[in-house]
Amino acid sequence: MVDDGTQVLEAPRYDDHSPTIDGRPGFDTVRLVARMRHGRGGLARVAATVNNFDVRQLTYVSAEFDAATVDVVVHERDAARVEAKLRRMVDVIDVVDVSSG
């Protein structure tokens, strides 16, 4: 290898150390399901709201007219804050923690 004076920065790789069960998120995650009014940019607003947290999975489904379901799997340390942020959104009707089965 020739040292030509250029500097190479190596970013650490993100390793997901959370346990999984049959491909599903493990015990250190919380699954929140929110019902909201479907509208233009709804998914973008949800993504912008939760982007600072350790989101493992985000699903947005619009099955009914003007209704949508958002399924968010987050690390348990962020669950209360993500739930509070989702509840503050104008379009969100209800947020339920369904991880405790």
PDB file of N, CA and C in Angstrom:
ATOM      1  N   MET A   1       0.845  -1.173   0.000  1.00  0.00           N
ATOM      2  CA  MET A   1       0.000   0.000   0.000  1.00  0.00           C
ATOM      3  C   MET A   1       0.892   1.239   0.000  1.00  0.00           C
ATOM      4  N   VAL A   2       0.549   2.203  -0.799  1.00  0.00           N
ATOM      5  CA  VAL A   2       1.310   3.434  -0.924  1.00  0.00           C
ATOM      6  C   VAL A   2       0.630   4.511  -0.098  1.00  0.00           C
ATOM      7  N   ASP A   3       1.410   5.204   0.719  1.00  0.00           N
ATOM      8  CA  ASP A   3       0.872   6.300   1.520  1.00  0.00           C
ATOM      9  C   ASP A   3       1.025   7.579   0.716  1.00  0.00           C
ATOM     10  N   ASP A   4      -0.067   8.060   0.156  1.00  0.00           N
ATOM     11  CA  ASP A   4      -0.013   9.270  -0.654  1.00  0.00           C
ATOM     12  C   ASP A   4      -0.464  10.503   0.120  1.00  0.00           C
ATOM     13  N   GLY A   5      -0.638  10.371   1.424  1.00  0.00           N
ATOM     14  CA  GLY A   5      -1.002  11.516   2.245  1.00  0.00           C
ATOM     15  C   GLY A   5      -2.491  11.742   2.392  1.00  0.00           C
ATOM     16  N   THR A   6      -3.304  10.968   1.687  1.00  0.00           N
ATOM     17  CA  THR A   6      -4.748  11.143   1.837  1.00  0.00           C
ATOM     18  C   THR A   6      -5.211  10.483   3.128  1.00  0.00           C
ATOM     19  N   GLN A   7      -6.227  11.058   3.659  1.00  0.00           N
ATOM     20  CA  GLN A   7      -6.745  10.561   4.924  1.00  0.00           C
ATOM     21  C   GLN A   7      -8.043   9.800   4.664  1.00  0.00           C
ATOM     22  N   VAL A   8      -8.121   8.613   5.189  1.00  0.00           N
ATOM     23  CA  VAL A   8      -9.311   7.788   5.036  1.00  0.00           C
ATOM     24  C   VAL A   8      -9.985   7.682   6.393  1.00  0.00           C
ATOM     25  N   LEU A   9     -11.230   8.079   6.432  1.00  0.00           N
ATOM     26  CA  LEU A   9     -11.992   7.982   7.669  1.00  0.00           C
ATOM     27  C   LEU A   9     -12.850   6.734   7.612  1.00  0.00           C
ATOM     28  N   GLU A  10     -12.764   5.942   8.647  1.00  0.00           N
ATOM     29  CA  GLU A  10     -13.586   4.748   8.706  1.00  0.00           C
ATOM     30  C   GLU A  10     -14.655   4.948   9.754  1.00  0.00           C
ATOM     31  N   ALA A  11     -15.892   4.910   9.324  1.00  0.00           N
ATOM     32  CA  ALA A  11     -17.013   5.062  10.247  1.00  0.00           C
ATOM     33  C   ALA A  11     -17.324   3.703  10.859  1.00  0.00           C
ATOM     34  N   PRO A  12     -17.611   3.691  12.149  1.00  0.00           N
ATOM     35  CA  PRO A  12     -17.975   2.414  12.762  1.00  0.00           C
ATOM     36  C   PRO A  12     -19.293   1.911  12.184  1.00  0.00           C
ATOM     37  N   ARG A  13     -19.374   0.644  11.991  1.00  0.00           N
ATOM     38  CA  ARG A  13     -20.603   0.050  11.464  1.00  0.00           C
ATOM     39  C   ARG A  13     -21.602  -0.114  12.586  1.00  0.00           C
ATOM     40  N   TYR A  14     -22.872   0.079  12.237  1.00  0.00           N
ATOM     41  CA  TYR A  14     -23.933  -0.105  13.216  1.00  0.00           C
ATOM     42  C   TYR A  14     -24.228  -1.593  13.328  1.00  0.00           C
ATOM     43  N   ASP A  15     -24.080  -2.120  14.518  1.00  0.00           N
ATOM     44  CA  ASP A  15     -24.407  -3.520  14.770  1.00  0.00           C
ATOM     45  C   ASP A  15     -25.631  -3.573  15.655  1.00  0.00           C
ATOM     46  N   ASP A  16     -26.625  -4.266  15.207  1.00  0.00           N
ATOM     47  CA  ASP A  16     -27.847  -4.418  15.985  1.00  0.00           C
ATOM     48  C   ASP A  16     -27.660  -5.598  16.927  1.00  0.00           C
ATOM     49  N   HIS A  17     -27.407  -5.292  18.190  1.00  0.00           N
ATOM     50  CA  HIS A  17     -27.149  -6.329  19.174  1.00  0.00           C
ATOM     51  C   HIS A  17     -28.414  -6.789  19.879  1.00  0.00           C
ATOM     52  N   SER A  18     -29.559  -6.341  19.429  1.00  0.00           N
ATOM     53  CA  SER A  18     -30.796  -6.732  20.101  1.00  0.00           C
ATOM     54  C   SER A  18     -31.139  -8.174  19.749  1.00  0.00           C
ATOM     55  N   PRO A  19     -31.665  -8.901  20.711  1.00  0.00           N
ATOM     56  CA  PRO A  19     -32.042 -10.284  20.416  1.00  0.00           C
ATOM     57  C   PRO A  19     -33.255 -10.333  19.499  1.00  0.00           C
ATOM     58  N   THR A  20     -33.330 -11.381  18.716  1.00  0.00           N
ATOM     59  CA  THR A  20     -34.498 -11.569  17.865  1.00  0.00           C
ATOM     60  C   THR A  20     -35.078 -12.954  18.110  1.00  0.00           C
ATOM     61  N   ILE A  21     -36.355 -13.091  17.864  1.00  0.00           N
ATOM     62  CA  ILE A  21     -37.039 -14.365  18.006  1.00  0.00           C
ATOM     63  C   ILE A  21     -37.721 -14.646  16.680  1.00  0.00           C
ATOM     64  N   ASP A  22     -37.242 -15.638  15.962  1.00  0.00           N
ATOM     65  CA  ASP A  22     -37.805 -15.982  14.651  1.00  0.00           C
ATOM     66  C   ASP A  22     -37.857 -14.777  13.720  1.00  0.00           C
ATOM     67  N   GLY A  23     -36.832 -13.949  13.732  1.00  0.00           N
ATOM     68  CA  GLY A  23     -36.768 -12.797  12.849  1.00  0.00           C
ATOM     69  C   GLY A  23     -37.523 -11.582  13.337  1.00  0.00           C
ATOM     70  N   ARG A  24     -38.265 -11.714  14.433  1.00  0.00           N
ATOM     71  CA  ARG A  24     -39.001 -10.582  14.995  1.00  0.00           C
ATOM     72  C   ARG A  24     -38.118  -9.869  16.003  1.00  0.00           C
ATOM     73  N   PRO A  25     -38.374  -8.593  16.262  1.00  0.00           N
ATOM     74  CA  PRO A  25     -37.576  -7.878  17.259  1.00  0.00           C
ATOM     75  C   PRO A  25     -37.646  -8.571  18.613  1.00  0.00           C
ATOM     76  N   GLY A  26     -36.553  -8.485  19.356  1.00  0.00           N
ATOM     77  CA  GLY A  26     -36.449  -9.189  20.625  1.00  0.00           C
ATOM     78  C   GLY A  26     -37.053  -8.450  21.793  1.00  0.00           C
ATOM     79  N   PHE A  27     -36.597  -8.801  22.977  1.00  0.00           N
ATOM     80  CA  PHE A  27     -37.210  -8.339  24.209  1.00  0.00           C
ATOM     81  C   PHE A  27     -36.926  -6.882  24.541  1.00  0.00           C
ATOM     82  N   ASP A  28     -35.914  -6.289  23.968  1.00  0.00           N
ATOM     83  CA  ASP A  28     -35.593  -4.909  24.319  1.00  0.00           C
ATOM     84  C   ASP A  28     -36.289  -3.906  23.408  1.00  0.00           C
ATOM     85  N   THR A  29     -37.332  -4.341  22.720  1.00  0.00           N
ATOM     86  CA  THR A  29     -38.081  -3.443  21.843  1.00  0.00           C
ATOM     87  C   THR A  29     -39.530  -3.337  22.301  1.00  0.00           C
ATOM     88  N   VAL A  30     -40.151  -2.240  21.903  1.00  0.00           N
ATOM     89  CA  VAL A  30     -41.557  -1.989  22.208  1.00  0.00           C
ATOM     90  C   VAL A  30     -42.260  -1.697  20.889  1.00  0.00           C
ATOM     91  N   ARG A  31     -43.431  -2.275  20.718  1.00  0.00           N
ATOM     92  CA  ARG A  31     -44.206  -2.062  19.490  1.00  0.00           C
ATOM     93  C   ARG A  31     -45.385  -1.153  19.802  1.00  0.00           C
ATOM     94  N   LEU A  32     -45.436  -0.022  19.122  1.00  0.00           N
ATOM     95  CA  LEU A  32     -46.516   0.947  19.277  1.00  0.00           C
ATOM     96  C   LEU A  32     -47.345   0.981  17.997  1.00  0.00           C
ATOM     97  N   VAL A  33     -48.652   0.965  18.155  1.00  0.00           N
ATOM     98  CA  VAL A  33     -49.555   1.053  17.006  1.00  0.00           C
ATOM     99  C   VAL A  33     -50.394   2.312  17.173  1.00  0.00           C
ATOM    100  N   ALA A  34     -50.371   3.155  16.163  1.00  0.00           N
ATOM    101  CA  ALA A  34     -51.118   4.415  16.203  1.00  0.00           C
ATOM    102  C   ALA A  34     -52.156   4.423  15.089  1.00  0.00           C
ATOM    103  N   ARG A  35     -53.353   4.857  15.418  1.00  0.00           N
ATOM    104  CA  ARG A  35     -54.395   5.095  14.419  1.00  0.00           C
ATOM    105  C   ARG A  35     -54.374   6.579  14.120  1.00  0.00           C
ATOM    106  N   MET A  36     -54.420   6.906  12.849  1.00  0.00           N
ATOM    107  CA  MET A  36     -54.375   8.316  12.474  1.00  0.00           C
ATOM    108  C   MET A  36     -55.196   8.565  11.223  1.00  0.00           C
ATOM    109  N   ARG A  37     -55.478   9.821  10.994  1.00  0.00           N
ATOM    110  CA  ARG A  37     -56.164  10.219   9.768  1.00  0.00           C
ATOM    111  C   ARG A  37     -55.147  10.195   8.629  1.00  0.00           C
ATOM    112  N   HIS A  38     -55.511   9.515   7.562  1.00  0.00           N
ATOM    113  CA  HIS A  38     -54.633   9.446   6.400  1.00  0.00           C
ATOM    114  C   HIS A  38     -54.750  10.742   5.611  1.00  0.00           C
ATOM    115  N   GLY A  39     -53.628  11.281   5.261  1.00  0.00           N
ATOM    116  CA  GLY A  39     -53.610  12.494   4.459  1.00  0.00           C
ATOM    117  C   GLY A  39     -52.290  12.617   3.737  1.00  0.00           C
ATOM    118  N   ARG A  40     -52.220  13.586   2.897  1.00  0.00           N
ATOM    119  CA  ARG A  40     -51.006  13.815   2.123  1.00  0.00           C
ATOM    120  C   ARG A  40     -49.837  14.101   3.058  1.00  0.00           C
ATOM    121  N   GLY A  41     -48.771  13.338   2.919  1.00  0.00           N
ATOM    122  CA  GLY A  41     -47.571  13.543   3.719  1.00  0.00           C
ATOM    123  C   GLY A  41     -47.623  12.924   5.106  1.00  0.00           C
ATOM    124  N   GLY A  42     -48.588  12.069   5.360  1.00  0.00           N
ATOM    125  CA  GLY A  42     -48.718  11.458   6.685  1.00  0.00           C
ATOM    126  C   GLY A  42     -47.508  10.629   7.075  1.00  0.00           C
ATOM    127  N   LEU A  43     -47.053   9.784   6.168  1.00  0.00           N
ATOM    128  CA  LEU A  43     -45.878   8.963   6.446  1.00  0.00           C
ATOM    129  C   LEU A  43     -44.646   9.828   6.675  1.00  0.00           C
ATOM    130  N   ALA A  44     -44.488  10.876   5.893  1.00  0.00           N
ATOM    131  CA  ALA A  44     -43.334  11.773   6.056  1.00  0.00           C
ATOM    132  C   ALA A  44     -43.361  12.460   7.414  1.00  0.00           C
ATOM    133  N   ARG A  45     -44.543  12.858   7.877  1.00  0.00           N
ATOM    134  CA  ARG A  45     -44.643  13.494   9.196  1.00  0.00           C
ATOM    135  C   ARG A  45     -44.295  12.519  10.314  1.00  0.00           C
ATOM    136  N   VAL A  46     -44.761  11.278  10.185  1.00  0.00           N
ATOM    137  CA  VAL A  46     -44.425  10.273  11.198  1.00  0.00           C
ATOM    138  C   VAL A  46     -42.921  10.008  11.191  1.00  0.00           C
ATOM    139  N   ALA A  47     -42.343   9.834  10.018  1.00  0.00           N
ATOM    140  CA  ALA A  47     -40.907   9.567   9.918  1.00  0.00           C
ATOM    141  C   ALA A  47     -40.086  10.720  10.491  1.00  0.00           C
ATOM    142  N   ALA A  48     -40.499  11.946  10.221  1.00  0.00           N
ATOM    143  CA  ALA A  48     -39.784  13.104  10.766  1.00  0.00           C
ATOM    144  C   ALA A  48     -39.932  13.190  12.279  1.00  0.00           C
ATOM    145  N   THR A  49     -41.057  12.731  12.798  1.00  0.00           N
ATOM    146  CA  THR A  49     -41.296  12.781  14.238  1.00  0.00           C
ATOM    147  C   THR A  49     -40.433  11.779  14.987  1.00  0.00           C
ATOM    148  N   VAL A  50     -40.229  10.601  14.427  1.00  0.00           N
ATOM    149  CA  VAL A  50     -39.505   9.545  15.146  1.00  0.00           C
ATOM    150  C   VAL A  50     -38.057   9.371  14.690  1.00  0.00           C
ATOM    151  N   ASN A  51     -37.564  10.237  13.817  1.00  0.00           N
ATOM    152  CA  ASN A  51     -36.234  10.014  13.242  1.00  0.00           C
ATOM    153  C   ASN A  51     -35.084  10.144  14.231  1.00  0.00           C
ATOM    154  N   ASN A  52     -35.262  10.780  15.367  1.00  0.00           N
ATOM    155  CA  ASN A  52     -34.177  10.925  16.339  1.00  0.00           C
ATOM    156  C   ASN A  52     -34.099   9.758  17.315  1.00  0.00           C
ATOM    157  N   PHE A  53     -34.950   8.777  17.148  1.00  0.00           N
ATOM    158  CA  PHE A  53     -35.009   7.663  18.084  1.00  0.00           C
ATOM    159  C   PHE A  53     -34.542   6.375  17.412  1.00  0.00           C
ATOM    160  N   ASP A  54     -34.298   5.362  18.226  1.00  0.00           N
ATOM    161  CA  ASP A  54     -33.817   4.073  17.736  1.00  0.00           C
ATOM    162  C   ASP A  54     -34.999   3.260  17.208  1.00  0.00           C
ATOM    163  N   VAL A  55     -35.441   3.598  16.004  1.00  0.00           N
ATOM    164  CA  VAL A  55     -36.580   2.920  15.380  1.00  0.00           C
ATOM    165  C   VAL A  55     -36.064   1.681  14.661  1.00  0.00           C
ATOM    166  N   ARG A  56     -36.624   0.534  15.006  1.00  0.00           N
ATOM    167  CA  ARG A  56     -36.210  -0.724  14.389  1.00  0.00           C
ATOM    168  C   ARG A  56     -37.083  -1.061  13.188  1.00  0.00           C
ATOM    169  N   GLN A  57     -38.345  -0.625  13.223  1.00  0.00           N
ATOM    170  CA  GLN A  57     -39.268  -0.920  12.122  1.00  0.00           C
ATOM    171  C   GLN A  57     -40.369   0.132  12.109  1.00  0.00           C
ATOM    172  N   LEU A  58     -40.742   0.573  10.916  1.00  0.00           N
ATOM    173  CA  LEU A  58     -41.816   1.546  10.755  1.00  0.00           C
ATOM    174  C   LEU A  58     -42.693   1.094   9.591  1.00  0.00           C
ATOM    175  N   THR A  59     -43.986   0.915   9.875  1.00  0.00           N
ATOM    176  CA  THR A  59     -44.937   0.483   8.856  1.00  0.00           C
ATOM    177  C   THR A  59     -46.112   1.448   8.842  1.00  0.00           C
ATOM    178  N   TYR A  60     -46.513   1.864   7.646  1.00  0.00           N
ATOM    179  CA  TYR A  60     -47.648   2.772   7.473  1.00  0.00           C
ATOM    180  C   TYR A  60     -48.614   2.110   6.507  1.00  0.00           C
ATOM    181  N   VAL A  61     -49.831   1.841   6.975  1.00  0.00           N
ATOM    182  CA  VAL A  61     -50.829   1.174   6.140  1.00  0.00           C
ATOM    183  C   VAL A  61     -52.084   2.027   6.102  1.00  0.00           C
ATOM    184  N   SER A  62     -52.543   2.314   4.891  1.00  0.00           N
ATOM    185  CA  SER A  62     -53.787   3.053   4.712  1.00  0.00           C
ATOM    186  C   SER A  62     -54.798   2.104   4.091  1.00  0.00           C
ATOM    187  N   ALA A  63     -55.609   1.466   4.944  1.00  0.00           N
ATOM    188  CA  ALA A  63     -56.549   0.458   4.466  1.00  0.00           C
ATOM    189  C   ALA A  63     -57.960   1.000   4.306  1.00  0.00           C
ATOM    190  N   GLU A  64     -58.323   1.950   5.123  1.00  0.00           N
ATOM    191  CA  GLU A  64     -59.667   2.509   5.075  1.00  0.00           C
ATOM    192  C   GLU A  64     -59.605   3.918   4.491  1.00  0.00           C
ATOM    193  N   PHE A  65     -60.749   4.402   4.067  1.00  0.00           N
ATOM    194  CA  PHE A  65     -60.817   5.761   3.551  1.00  0.00           C
ATOM    195  C   PHE A  65     -60.517   6.741   4.678  1.00  0.00           C
ATOM    196  N   ASP A  66     -59.550   7.595   4.488  1.00  0.00           N
ATOM    197  CA  ASP A  66     -59.138   8.611   5.458  1.00  0.00           C
ATOM    198  C   ASP A  66     -58.654   8.045   6.784  1.00  0.00           C
ATOM    199  N   ALA A  67     -58.234   6.785   6.839  1.00  0.00           N
ATOM    200  CA  ALA A  67     -57.697   6.206   8.067  1.00  0.00           C
ATOM    201  C   ALA A  67     -56.395   5.478   7.751  1.00  0.00           C
ATOM    202  N   ALA A  68     -55.470   5.513   8.690  1.00  0.00           N
ATOM    203  CA  ALA A  68     -54.189   4.836   8.519  1.00  0.00           C
ATOM    204  C   ALA A  68     -53.759   4.235   9.846  1.00  0.00           C
ATOM    205  N   THR A  69     -52.937   3.208   9.748  1.00  0.00           N
ATOM    206  CA  THR A  69     -52.361   2.579  10.925  1.00  0.00           C
ATOM    207  C   THR A  69     -50.850   2.662  10.807  1.00  0.00           C
ATOM    208  N   VAL A  70     -50.218   3.138  11.865  1.00  0.00           N
ATOM    209  CA  VAL A  70     -48.766   3.240  11.915  1.00  0.00           C
ATOM    210  C   VAL A  70     -48.279   2.248  12.954  1.00  0.00           C
ATOM    211  N   ASP A  71     -47.357   1.393  12.560  1.00  0.00           N
ATOM    212  CA  ASP A  71     -46.778   0.390  13.448  1.00  0.00           C
ATOM    213  C   ASP A  71     -45.303   0.742  13.606  1.00  0.00           C
ATOM    214  N   VAL A  72     -44.888   1.060  14.834  1.00  0.00           N
ATOM    215  CA  VAL A  72     -43.518   1.484  15.094  1.00  0.00           C
ATOM    216  C   VAL A  72     -42.910   0.556  16.138  1.00  0.00           C
ATOM    217  N   VAL A  73     -41.753  -0.020  15.822  1.00  0.00           N
ATOM    218  CA  VAL A  73     -41.007  -0.824  16.785  1.00  0.00           C
ATOM    219  C   VAL A  73     -39.774  -0.018  17.160  1.00  0.00           C
ATOM    220  N   VAL A  74     -39.662   0.303  18.458  1.00  0.00           N
ATOM    221  CA  VAL A  74     -38.556   1.127  18.945  1.00  0.00           C
ATOM    222  C   VAL A  74     -37.869   0.437  20.108  1.00  0.00           C
ATOM    223  N   HIS A  75     -36.666   0.879  20.400  1.00  0.00           N
ATOM    224  CA  HIS A  75     -35.948   0.387  21.575  1.00  0.00           C
ATOM    225  C   HIS A  75     -36.723   0.812  22.808  1.00  0.00           C
ATOM    226  N   GLU A  76     -36.731  -0.038  23.833  1.00  0.00           N
ATOM    227  CA  GLU A  76     -37.552   0.231  25.015  1.00  0.00           C
ATOM    228  C   GLU A  76     -37.182   1.527  25.729  1.00  0.00           C
ATOM    229  N   ARG A  77     -35.930   1.960  25.623  1.00  0.00           N
ATOM    230  CA  ARG A  77     -35.536   3.205  26.290  1.00  0.00           C
ATOM    231  C   ARG A  77     -36.187   4.431  25.645  1.00  0.00           C
ATOM    232  N   ASP A  78     -36.594   4.314  24.377  1.00  0.00           N
ATOM    233  CA  ASP A  78     -37.209   5.427  23.654  1.00  0.00           C
ATOM    234  C   ASP A  78     -38.733   5.337  23.585  1.00  0.00           C
ATOM    235  N   ALA A  79     -39.311   4.265  24.079  1.00  0.00           N
ATOM    236  CA  ALA A  79     -40.741   4.001  23.868  1.00  0.00           C
ATOM    237  C   ALA A  79     -41.641   5.098  24.422  1.00  0.00           C
ATOM    238  N   ALA A  80     -41.394   5.539  25.638  1.00  0.00           N
ATOM    239  CA  ALA A  80     -42.264   6.560  26.244  1.00  0.00           C
ATOM    240  C   ALA A  80     -42.185   7.873  25.474  1.00  0.00           C
ATOM    241  N   ARG A  81     -40.987   8.240  25.045  1.00  0.00           N
ATOM    242  CA  ARG A  81     -40.830   9.496  24.310  1.00  0.00           C
ATOM    243  C   ARG A  81     -41.456   9.419  22.923  1.00  0.00           C
ATOM    244  N   VAL A  82     -41.299   8.282  22.247  1.00  0.00           N
ATOM    245  CA  VAL A  82     -41.911   8.116  20.925  1.00  0.00           C
ATOM    246  C   VAL A  82     -43.431   8.130  21.045  1.00  0.00           C
ATOM    247  N   GLU A  83     -43.961   7.460  22.060  1.00  0.00           N
ATOM    248  CA  GLU A  83     -45.411   7.465  22.264  1.00  0.00           C
ATOM    249  C   GLU A  83     -45.923   8.880  22.506  1.00  0.00           C
ATOM    250  N   ALA A  84     -45.215   9.646  23.326  1.00  0.00           N
ATOM    251  CA  ALA A  84     -45.624  11.028  23.596  1.00  0.00           C
ATOM    252  C   ALA A  84     -45.560  11.881  22.333  1.00  0.00           C
ATOM    253  N   LYS A  85     -44.516  11.693  21.537  1.00  0.00           N
ATOM    254  CA  LYS A  85     -44.390  12.464  20.288  1.00  0.00           C
ATOM    255  C   LYS A  85     -45.513  12.115  19.313  1.00  0.00           C
ATOM    256  N   LEU A  86     -45.833  10.832  19.207  1.00  0.00           N
ATOM    257  CA  LEU A  86     -46.922  10.430  18.312  1.00  0.00           C
ATOM    258  C   LEU A  86     -48.251  11.005  18.780  1.00  0.00           C
ATOM    259  N   ARG A  87     -48.494  10.981  20.088  1.00  0.00           N
ATOM    260  CA  ARG A  87     -49.755  11.512  20.625  1.00  0.00           C
ATOM    261  C   ARG A  87     -49.897  13.016  20.376  1.00  0.00           C
ATOM    262  N   ARG A  88     -48.789  13.726  20.268  1.00  0.00           N
ATOM    263  CA  ARG A  88     -48.832  15.172  20.036  1.00  0.00           C
ATOM    264  C   ARG A  88     -49.131  15.524  18.587  1.00  0.00           C
ATOM    265  N   MET A  89     -49.024  14.556  17.683  1.00  0.00           N
ATOM    266  CA  MET A  89     -49.312  14.831  16.277  1.00  0.00           C
ATOM    267  C   MET A  89     -50.807  15.078  16.093  1.00  0.00           C
ATOM    268  N   VAL A  90     -51.137  16.055  15.288  1.00  0.00           N
ATOM    269  CA  VAL A  90     -52.530  16.452  15.078  1.00  0.00           C
ATOM    270  C   VAL A  90     -53.340  15.328  14.437  1.00  0.00           C
ATOM    271  N   ASP A  91     -52.755  14.590  13.512  1.00  0.00           N
ATOM    272  CA  ASP A  91     -53.479  13.555  12.773  1.00  0.00           C
ATOM    273  C   ASP A  91     -53.691  12.266  13.565  1.00  0.00           C
ATOM    274  N   VAL A  92     -52.956  12.080  14.652  1.00  0.00           N
ATOM    275  CA  VAL A  92     -53.023  10.822  15.399  1.00  0.00           C
ATOM    276  C   VAL A  92     -54.253  10.801  16.297  1.00  0.00           C
ATOM    277  N   ILE A  93     -55.004   9.712  16.220  1.00  0.00           N
ATOM    278  CA  ILE A  93     -56.212   9.543  17.024  1.00  0.00           C
ATOM    279  C   ILE A  93     -55.901   8.820  18.327  1.00  0.00           C
ATOM    280  N   ASP A  94     -55.108   7.732  18.245  1.00  0.00           N
ATOM    281  CA  ASP A  94     -54.804   6.942  19.432  1.00  0.00           C
ATOM    282  C   ASP A  94     -53.487   6.206  19.235  1.00  0.00           C
ATOM    283  N   VAL A  95     -52.777   5.962  20.341  1.00  0.00           N
ATOM    284  CA  VAL A  95     -51.535   5.197  20.328  1.00  0.00           C
ATOM    285  C   VAL A  95     -51.655   4.104  21.382  1.00  0.00           C
ATOM    286  N   VAL A  96     -51.336   2.867  20.989  1.00  0.00           N
ATOM    287  CA  VAL A  96     -51.447   1.726  21.893  1.00  0.00           C
ATOM    288  C   VAL A  96     -50.132   0.955  21.890  1.00  0.00           C
ATOM    289  N   ASP A  97     -49.675   0.560  23.093  1.00  0.00           N
ATOM    290  CA  ASP A  97     -48.499  -0.295  23.235  1.00  0.00           C
ATOM    291  C   ASP A  97     -48.981  -1.739  23.161  1.00  0.00           C
ATOM    292  N   VAL A  98     -48.622  -2.438  22.088  1.00  0.00           N
ATOM    293  CA  VAL A  98     -49.074  -3.818  21.906  1.00  0.00           C
ATOM    294  C   VAL A  98     -47.954  -4.827  22.127  1.00  0.00           C
ATOM    295  N   SER A  99     -46.828  -4.395  22.638  1.00  0.00           N
ATOM    296  CA  SER A  99     -45.686  -5.288  22.798  1.00  0.00           C
ATOM    297  C   SER A  99     -45.824  -6.228  23.979  1.00  0.00           C
ATOM    298  N   SER A 100     -46.643  -5.894  24.959  1.00  0.00           N
ATOM    299  CA  SER A 100     -46.739  -6.726  26.158  1.00  0.00           C
ATOM    300  C   SER A 100     -47.636  -7.935  25.958  1.00  0.00           C
ATOM    301  N   GLY A 101     -48.151  -8.108  24.742  1.00  0.00           N
ATOM    302  CA  GLY A 101     -48.877  -9.281  24.316  1.00  0.00           C
ATOM    303  C   GLY A 101     -50.001  -9.659  25.170  1.00  0.00           C
TER     304      GLY A 101
END
